[in-house]
Protein backbone atom coordinates (compact mmCIF):
# COMPACT_ATOMS: atom_id res chain seq x y z
CA MET A 1 322.37 419.33 88.39
CA LYS A 2 321.62 419.05 84.68
CA LEU A 3 318.97 416.47 83.88
CA SER A 4 319.50 413.92 81.14
CA PRO A 5 317.21 411.29 79.53
CA ASN A 6 319.57 408.59 80.82
CA LEU A 7 319.28 409.91 84.40
CA ILE A 8 315.45 409.95 84.19
CA ASP A 9 315.50 406.41 82.87
CA HIS A 10 317.61 405.29 85.82
CA ALA A 11 315.41 407.05 88.33
CA SER A 12 312.30 405.50 86.76
CA GLU A 13 313.79 401.99 86.73
CA ALA A 14 314.95 402.35 90.36
CA LEU A 15 311.54 403.67 91.42
CA ALA A 16 309.72 400.79 89.67
CA ALA A 17 311.85 398.25 91.60
CA VAL A 18 311.22 400.02 94.95
CA MET A 19 307.45 400.30 94.34
CA ARG A 20 307.07 396.56 94.23
CA PHE A 21 307.30 397.02 98.01
CA GLU A 22 308.78 393.55 98.53
CA TYR A 23 311.86 394.82 100.41
CA PRO A 24 312.99 397.99 102.23
CA ALA A 25 313.66 400.85 99.83
CA ASP A 26 317.19 401.51 100.94
CA GLY A 27 318.11 397.84 100.29
CA VAL A 28 316.53 397.90 96.85
CA LEU A 29 318.39 401.07 95.93
CA SER A 30 321.72 399.58 97.18
CA ARG A 31 321.24 396.58 94.97
CA TYR A 32 320.33 398.81 92.03
CA PHE A 33 323.51 400.88 92.45
CA ARG A 34 325.63 397.80 92.69
CA ALA A 35 324.18 396.56 89.46
CA HIS A 36 324.81 399.98 87.86
CA ASP A 37 328.19 400.71 89.26
CA LYS A 38 329.12 403.21 86.59
CA LEU A 39 326.68 405.73 88.04
CA GLY A 40 328.56 408.58 89.74
CA GLN A 41 327.99 409.77 93.34
CA GLN A 42 325.97 412.82 92.21
CA ASP A 43 323.78 410.66 89.95
CA ARG A 44 323.12 408.14 92.77
CA GLY A 45 322.20 411.03 95.05
CA PHE A 46 319.72 412.39 92.55
CA ILE A 47 318.12 408.99 91.97
CA ALA A 48 317.88 408.22 95.73
CA GLU A 49 316.42 411.64 96.63
CA THR A 50 313.88 411.43 93.77
CA VAL A 51 312.77 407.93 94.77
CA PHE A 52 312.38 408.97 98.45
CA ALA A 53 310.56 412.11 97.49
CA VAL A 54 308.06 410.00 95.54
CA LEU A 55 307.56 407.69 98.53
CA ARG A 56 306.96 410.61 100.87
CA ARG A 57 304.19 412.11 98.68
CA LYS A 58 303.04 409.03 96.72
CA ARG A 59 299.40 409.56 97.63
CA LEU A 60 299.54 413.15 96.30
CA LEU A 61 301.15 411.97 93.06
CA ASP A 62 298.56 409.21 92.68
CA TYR A 63 295.89 411.80 93.18
CA LEU A 64 297.37 414.08 90.48
CA LEU A 65 298.30 411.42 87.98
CA GLY A 66 295.85 408.55 88.39
CA ASP A 67 297.01 405.02 87.64
CA THR A 68 300.36 405.50 85.84
CA GLY A 69 303.91 404.28 85.59
CA ALA A 70 307.15 405.03 87.35
CA ARG A 71 308.40 407.45 84.62
CA ASP A 72 305.31 409.69 85.06
CA MET A 73 305.83 409.57 88.81
CA VAL A 74 309.47 410.70 88.46
CA LEU A 75 308.63 413.60 86.13
CA ALA A 76 305.74 414.73 88.33
CA CYS A 77 307.98 414.49 91.39
CA LEU A 78 310.57 416.74 89.72
CA ALA A 79 307.94 419.31 88.62
CA VAL A 80 305.79 419.39 91.76
CA LEU A 81 308.05 418.30 94.68
CA ARG A 82 311.64 418.99 93.71
CA GLY A 83 311.31 422.44 92.28
CA HIS A 84 312.22 421.89 88.63
CA ASN A 85 310.47 424.32 86.24
CA LEU A 86 309.08 423.12 82.94
CA ARG A 87 311.93 424.66 80.96
CA GLU A 88 314.44 422.48 82.82
CA LEU A 89 312.37 419.39 81.93
CA GLU A 90 312.11 420.22 78.17
CA GLY A 91 315.20 418.18 77.36
CA VAL A 92 313.90 415.02 79.02
CA CYS A 93 310.15 415.23 78.26
CA SER A 94 308.00 414.96 75.19
CA ALA A 95 305.57 417.78 74.36
CA PRO A 96 302.56 415.84 75.64
CA GLU A 97 304.38 415.08 78.88
CA LEU A 98 305.22 418.77 79.34
CA GLU A 99 301.62 419.76 78.77
CA LYS A 100 300.51 417.20 81.35
CA LEU A 101 303.08 418.44 83.87
CA GLY A 102 301.90 422.01 83.47
CA ALA A 103 298.33 420.93 84.39
CA ILE A 104 299.60 418.90 87.34
CA LYS A 105 301.59 421.71 88.76
CA GLN A 106 298.46 423.92 88.75
CA ARG A 107 296.30 421.23 90.49
CA ALA A 108 298.93 420.67 93.12
CA HIS A 109 298.39 424.22 94.42
CA GLU A 110 294.64 423.88 94.69
CA ASP A 111 292.88 422.84 97.91
CA LEU A 112 293.56 419.16 98.47
CA PRO A 113 291.47 416.57 100.38
CA PHE A 114 292.68 415.99 104.02
CA GLU A 115 293.86 412.48 103.34
CA ILE A 116 296.00 413.67 100.43
CA GLU A 117 297.54 416.40 102.52
CA CYS A 118 298.43 413.85 105.17
CA ASP A 119 299.79 411.45 102.54
CA LEU A 120 299.13 408.52 104.85
CA PRO A 121 297.08 405.33 104.07
CA ASP A 122 293.49 405.56 105.29
CA TRP A 123 293.95 402.84 107.90
CA VAL A 124 296.82 404.81 109.50
CA ILE A 125 294.69 407.97 109.59
CA GLU A 126 291.87 405.99 111.20
CA LYS A 127 294.14 404.54 113.85
CA LEU A 128 295.70 407.92 114.74
CA ARG A 129 292.20 409.45 115.10
CA ALA A 130 291.16 406.52 117.23
CA GLY A 131 294.32 407.06 119.34
CA GLY A 132 293.32 410.65 120.22
CA HIS A 133 294.71 412.79 117.37
CA ASP A 134 292.34 415.47 116.17
CA ASP A 135 292.64 416.53 112.57
CA ALA A 136 294.91 419.56 113.32
CA ALA A 137 297.35 417.47 115.38
CA LEU A 138 297.20 414.64 112.81
CA LEU A 139 298.03 417.01 109.92
CA ALA A 140 300.86 418.60 111.80
CA LEU A 141 302.38 415.22 112.47
CA ALA A 142 301.80 413.94 108.97
CA ARG A 143 303.46 417.03 107.37
CA ALA A 144 306.44 416.66 109.64
CA LEU A 145 306.84 413.06 108.69
CA GLN A 146 306.90 414.09 105.03
CA ARG A 147 310.14 416.08 105.53
CA PRO A 148 313.56 414.41 105.37
CA ALA A 149 315.21 413.78 108.75
CA PRO A 150 318.40 415.54 109.71
CA LEU A 151 321.64 413.68 110.51
CA ASP A 152 321.95 413.32 114.30
CA LEU A 153 325.16 412.17 116.10
CA ARG A 154 325.71 410.98 119.68
CA ILE A 155 329.02 411.91 121.24
CA ASN A 156 330.75 409.07 123.06
CA LEU A 157 331.40 410.99 126.25
CA ALA A 158 334.06 408.41 127.22
CA ARG A 159 336.14 409.51 124.24
CA SER A 160 335.27 413.21 123.76
CA THR A 161 333.10 416.12 124.89
CA ARG A 162 330.35 417.71 122.88
CA GLU A 163 332.35 421.00 122.74
CA ALA A 164 335.45 419.27 121.43
CA ALA A 165 333.45 417.33 118.90
CA LEU A 166 331.72 420.50 117.62
CA ALA A 167 335.13 422.15 117.31
CA SER A 168 336.56 419.24 115.36
CA LEU A 169 333.57 419.15 113.01
CA ALA A 170 333.78 422.87 112.45
CA ALA A 171 337.51 422.61 111.71
CA SER A 172 336.72 420.08 108.96
CA GLY A 173 334.02 422.33 107.47
CA VAL A 174 330.94 420.44 108.92
CA GLU A 175 328.25 422.70 110.31
CA ALA A 176 326.69 421.33 113.46
CA ALA A 177 325.03 422.42 116.63
CA ALA A 178 324.19 420.95 120.10
CA MET A 179 320.86 419.21 120.34
CA THR A 180 317.94 420.69 122.31
CA TYR A 181 317.42 417.77 124.65
CA SER A 182 320.12 415.08 124.51
CA PRO A 183 323.22 416.03 126.55
CA ALA A 184 325.40 413.99 124.20
CA GLY A 185 323.72 414.97 120.93
CA ILE A 186 324.79 416.97 117.91
CA ARG A 187 322.69 417.78 114.87
CA LEU A 188 324.37 418.40 111.50
CA LYS A 189 323.13 420.97 109.01
CA ASP A 190 323.80 418.72 106.05
CA LYS A 191 324.58 415.05 105.54
CA PRO A 192 328.31 414.66 104.84
CA ALA A 193 330.11 411.32 104.64
CA LEU A 194 331.67 410.83 108.11
CA SER A 195 333.10 407.31 107.94
CA ARG A 196 336.64 408.62 107.46
CA HIS A 197 336.38 411.54 109.86
CA SER A 198 338.76 411.20 112.77
CA LEU A 199 335.86 411.45 115.26
CA TYR A 200 334.16 408.44 113.73
CA VAL A 201 337.32 406.40 113.29
CA GLU A 202 338.36 406.99 116.86
CA GLY A 203 334.89 406.04 118.20
CA ALA A 204 333.98 409.56 119.45
CA ILE A 205 330.71 409.76 117.49
CA GLU A 206 327.89 407.47 116.40
CA VAL A 207 324.93 408.20 114.15
CA GLN A 208 321.82 408.16 116.33
CA ASP A 209 318.50 410.10 116.27
CA GLU A 210 317.99 412.35 119.20
CA GLY A 211 314.87 410.43 120.27
CA SER A 212 316.77 407.19 120.33
CA GLN A 213 319.36 408.83 122.61
CA LEU A 214 316.72 409.99 124.97
CA LEU A 215 315.46 406.48 125.55
CA CYS A 216 318.88 405.61 126.97
CA TYR A 217 318.61 408.56 129.40
CA LEU A 218 315.15 407.56 130.36
CA LEU A 219 316.36 404.15 131.45
CA GLY A 220 319.14 405.81 133.33
CA PRO A 221 321.63 402.95 133.88
CA LYS A 222 324.20 403.50 136.62
CA ARG A 223 327.71 402.39 137.18
CA GLY A 224 328.17 398.76 138.13
CA GLU A 225 324.61 397.65 137.39
CA MET A 226 323.36 394.63 135.48
CA VAL A 227 321.50 395.90 132.33
CA VAL A 228 319.88 394.22 129.40
CA ASP A 229 319.17 395.67 125.93
CA PHE A 230 316.57 393.11 125.03
CA CYS A 231 316.17 393.86 121.32
CA ALA A 232 319.65 395.25 120.62
CA GLY A 233 319.76 395.11 116.81
CA ALA A 234 322.88 396.73 115.53
CA GLY A 235 323.52 398.21 118.94
CA GLY A 236 322.96 402.01 118.73
CA LYS A 237 321.19 402.13 122.07
CA THR A 238 323.47 399.46 123.54
CA LEU A 239 326.45 401.75 122.99
CA GLY A 240 324.52 404.69 124.45
CA LEU A 241 323.72 402.63 127.57
CA GLY A 242 327.31 401.44 127.94
CA MET A 243 328.50 405.01 127.77
CA LEU A 244 326.15 406.01 130.56
CA MET A 245 327.45 403.08 132.63
CA ARG A 246 330.95 404.33 132.07
CA SER A 247 331.94 400.85 130.83
CA THR A 248 331.27 399.32 134.24
CA GLY A 249 328.91 396.54 135.32
CA ARG A 250 327.53 394.12 132.76
CA LEU A 251 325.43 395.08 129.77
CA TYR A 252 323.86 392.24 127.79
CA ALA A 253 322.89 392.88 124.17
CA PHE A 254 320.26 390.31 123.09
CA ASP A 255 318.85 389.91 119.57
CA VAL A 256 317.24 387.20 117.52
CA SER A 257 319.28 388.30 114.46
CA ALA A 258 322.88 387.21 114.37
CA THR A 259 323.37 389.46 111.33
CA ARG A 260 322.30 392.56 113.24
CA LEU A 261 324.57 391.64 116.20
CA THR A 262 327.46 391.23 113.78
CA LYS A 263 327.08 394.90 112.81
CA LEU A 264 327.53 395.74 116.49
CA LYS A 265 331.04 394.33 116.68
CA PRO A 266 332.97 397.01 114.78
CA ARG A 267 331.00 399.72 116.47
CA LEU A 268 331.71 398.18 119.85
CA ALA A 269 335.39 398.00 119.03
CA ARG A 270 335.52 401.73 118.08
CA SER A 271 333.58 402.72 121.22
CA GLY A 272 336.17 401.29 123.62
CA LEU A 273 333.44 399.82 125.90
CA SER A 274 334.45 396.67 127.79
CA ASN A 275 331.21 395.85 129.59
CA VAL A 276 329.05 394.89 126.62
CA HIS A 277 328.18 391.21 126.03
CA PRO A 278 326.32 390.56 122.78
CA GLN A 279 324.26 387.33 122.83
CA HIS A 280 322.29 385.80 119.92
CA ILE A 281 319.01 384.35 121.17
CA ASP A 282 316.51 382.11 119.42
CA SER A 283 313.46 383.78 120.81
CA GLU A 284 312.17 385.74 123.78
CA ARG A 285 312.02 382.43 125.64
CA ASP A 286 315.65 381.42 125.01
CA PRO A 287 317.19 379.50 128.00
CA ARG A 288 320.02 382.07 128.14
CA ILE A 289 317.46 384.58 129.15
CA GLY A 290 316.10 382.34 131.86
CA ARG A 291 319.41 382.26 133.64
CA LEU A 292 319.11 386.03 134.35
CA VAL A 293 315.55 386.00 135.71
CA GLY A 294 315.33 388.22 138.78
CA LYS A 295 318.92 389.41 138.54
CA ILE A 296 318.73 392.49 136.34
CA ASP A 297 318.66 396.12 137.48
CA ARG A 298 317.42 397.69 134.25
CA VAL A 299 315.99 396.47 130.98
CA LEU A 300 315.51 398.35 127.69
CA ILE A 301 312.98 396.88 125.20
CA ASP A 302 313.18 398.69 121.87
CA ALA A 303 310.46 396.41 120.54
CA PRO A 304 310.21 395.33 116.92
CA CYS A 305 307.48 397.53 115.52
CA SER A 306 305.90 399.03 112.36
CA GLY A 307 308.47 401.89 112.32
CA MET A 308 305.67 404.37 111.59
CA GLY A 309 307.54 406.99 113.60
CA THR A 310 310.50 406.79 111.22
CA LEU A 311 308.70 407.79 107.98
CA ARG A 312 311.08 410.78 107.57
CA ARG A 313 313.82 408.19 107.00
CA ASN A 314 311.79 405.18 105.77
CA PRO A 315 308.79 406.53 103.86
CA ASP A 316 308.26 403.22 102.12
CA LEU A 317 307.01 401.71 105.46
CA LYS A 318 303.67 403.48 105.16
CA TRP A 319 303.10 401.63 101.90
CA ARG A 320 304.51 398.28 103.04
CA GLN A 321 302.73 397.95 106.36
CA THR A 322 299.12 396.81 106.76
CA ALA A 323 296.56 397.02 109.53
CA ALA A 324 296.67 393.25 109.89
CA GLY A 325 300.49 393.47 110.26
CA ILE A 326 300.03 395.87 113.22
CA ASP A 327 297.91 393.30 115.02
CA GLU A 328 300.62 390.63 114.49
CA LEU A 329 303.29 393.07 115.76
CA ALA A 330 301.24 393.90 118.90
CA ALA A 331 300.93 390.20 119.75
CA LYS A 332 304.75 389.83 119.44
CA GLN A 333 305.40 392.99 121.45
CA LYS A 334 303.21 391.68 124.31
CA ARG A 335 305.20 388.37 124.35
CA ILE A 336 308.53 390.27 124.40
CA LEU A 337 307.45 392.54 127.27
CA GLU A 338 306.17 389.58 129.24
CA SER A 339 309.49 387.71 128.84
CA ALA A 340 311.78 390.65 129.42
CA ALA A 341 309.96 391.82 132.54
CA ARG A 342 310.93 388.50 134.24
CA LEU A 343 314.53 389.62 134.31
CA LEU A 344 314.01 392.47 136.74
CA LYS A 345 314.84 392.33 140.42
CA PRO A 346 312.55 394.14 142.85
CA GLY A 347 313.15 397.84 142.52
CA GLY A 348 314.41 397.36 138.94
CA HIS A 349 313.30 399.51 136.02
CA LEU A 350 312.19 398.72 132.49
CA VAL A 351 311.68 400.93 129.46
CA TYR A 352 309.27 399.61 126.86
CA ALA A 353 309.79 401.65 123.67
CA THR A 354 308.88 401.62 119.99
CA CYS A 355 309.51 403.94 117.05
CA SER A 356 305.78 403.79 116.28
CA ILE A 357 303.06 406.44 116.62
CA LEU A 358 300.19 403.87 116.86
CA ALA A 359 298.43 403.20 120.17
CA GLU A 360 298.14 399.41 119.35
CA GLU A 361 301.87 399.07 119.59
CA ASN A 362 302.35 401.50 122.47
CA GLU A 363 300.10 402.32 125.39
CA LEU A 364 297.69 399.47 124.66
CA VAL A 365 300.55 396.97 124.98
CA VAL A 366 301.72 398.55 128.28
CA GLU A 367 298.19 398.72 129.65
CA ASP A 368 297.56 395.06 128.87
CA PHE A 369 300.79 394.14 130.71
CA LEU A 370 300.02 396.27 133.73
CA SER A 371 296.51 394.82 134.02
CA ARG A 372 298.02 391.36 134.58
CA HIS A 373 301.08 392.43 136.69
CA PRO A 374 300.31 394.33 139.85
CA GLU A 375 303.94 394.02 140.80
CA PHE A 376 304.76 396.72 138.26
CA ARG A 377 303.90 400.42 138.39
CA LEU A 378 304.09 403.09 135.75
CA VAL A 379 306.66 405.86 136.46
CA PRO A 380 305.83 409.31 134.87
CA ALA A 381 308.46 409.63 132.16
CA ILE A 382 308.65 413.42 131.74
CA ALA A 383 309.28 413.86 135.52
CA GLU A 384 311.90 411.17 135.41
CA MET A 385 313.68 412.97 132.58
CA ALA A 386 313.55 416.24 134.58
CA ARG A 387 315.39 414.40 137.39
CA ARG A 388 318.12 413.75 134.86
CA ASP A 389 318.17 417.47 133.99
CA ILE A 390 316.47 416.93 130.60
CA ALA A 391 313.56 419.33 130.27
CA LEU A 392 311.03 417.98 127.81
CA PRO A 393 307.66 419.59 126.95
CA GLU A 394 304.85 418.11 128.93
CA ALA A 395 302.53 415.77 126.96
CA ALA A 396 299.35 417.47 125.81
CA ASP A 397 297.29 415.02 127.80
CA GLY A 398 299.56 415.17 130.85
CA GLY A 399 300.01 411.41 130.69
CA PRO A 400 302.76 409.31 132.12
CA TYR A 401 304.25 408.25 128.80
CA LEU A 402 307.13 409.70 126.72
CA ARG A 403 305.94 410.58 123.30
CA LEU A 404 308.38 412.18 120.90
CA ALA A 405 307.44 413.42 117.40
CA PRO A 406 309.12 415.40 114.57
CA HIS A 407 306.62 418.31 114.72
CA SER A 408 306.97 418.79 118.54
CA HIS A 409 310.50 417.56 119.32
CA GLN A 410 312.31 417.48 115.95
CA THR A 411 312.99 413.80 116.47
CA ASP A 412 311.67 410.62 114.99
CA GLY A 413 308.35 409.44 116.41
CA PHE A 414 309.01 407.45 119.59
CA PHE A 415 306.92 406.10 122.42
CA ALA A 416 308.34 404.95 125.78
CA ALA A 417 306.91 403.75 129.13
CA LEU A 418 309.04 403.51 132.25
CA LEU A 419 307.98 400.64 134.54
CA GLU A 420 309.28 399.88 138.07
CA LYS A 421 308.98 396.45 139.61
CA VAL A 422 307.72 396.88 143.16
CA LYS A 423 306.98 394.51 146.02
CA VAL A 424 303.35 393.69 146.27
CA GLU A 425 301.97 393.43 149.80
CA SER A 426 300.35 390.08 150.49
């Protein structure tokens, strides 16, 4: 698209608002667009893509520019990251700005320090190294997290088949293909608006990352069981679990946010599921949870976490999170796991999962729990997925956990542990 001074001004103003890092970037951009409702769809797309490109490579731009303002960041992003040549920028830049951009483009192609290549905060790099990543693995992960995520869909197998959905999308000009791992997954080539597509309106598709879909298969709920989605949020995994249960049994969707549960209601109506029971709870110790202690067959805990595995979609998180914040989250995660585990009956299964890549939120939480609960055992996740005819690559360390990542599985970064409650001999 043709650049204009006005468009650069809008991108700079929006970026400055986002880089206060007080609120999630997507929410800040939504407010900015509401306040500037005369911006067209193409202009909004340009602004959003530029802002997110800056967030993905902010450390590189800081390295090239030094301490500077949002306008310089936008111009450098266009020249270095978004492929605009200097001639295209002549109409929106001053002569000194063009000269500076020329020097920056040259420096960007020189050898860069490892930390700049990773474009992660130092504390994240340190934690990943401590968690077992060597520099080659760390750099591969970091580079994958810098790339935008594709648009993934889950087919509601109660309403359609993957083959039928692919045919319907193709007929409407949407390029898509079956996912590598999820039996109900489709990945789109581009990111078209789907809210008015017949598949969406009829409840045959939901937007859901492939990794998120695989967590539902790992839990493996069966027809007629009692199941709890302990941190349901807006219900993406709840709907996936309900589909696998064929709308039988009872599926409780708990969350401490009434607002998030409200977003589940229209999705639930479209899905056609009749076994889902959303319940707002005050905390992980809510009395409504207590009534289900020892009665549940399966529990999914998609624990509140740093979201560091979702940087493809939410690159602002790496600049908004702190090492101290990770410690606070880990304490909360331990409390949630402790409370949710009480719900299981003997022989029941629990999946503890996060969209984090940090050991403090993942295996260290699980290991702490297992050290105090001999009535639980760890079930090897990859082998369990194979029993469900989902062939995932073995973890490099051969460990029992499920670890998904964009550079190895083309999904968001996810961690999951499958636990079984067993009878302990006295």
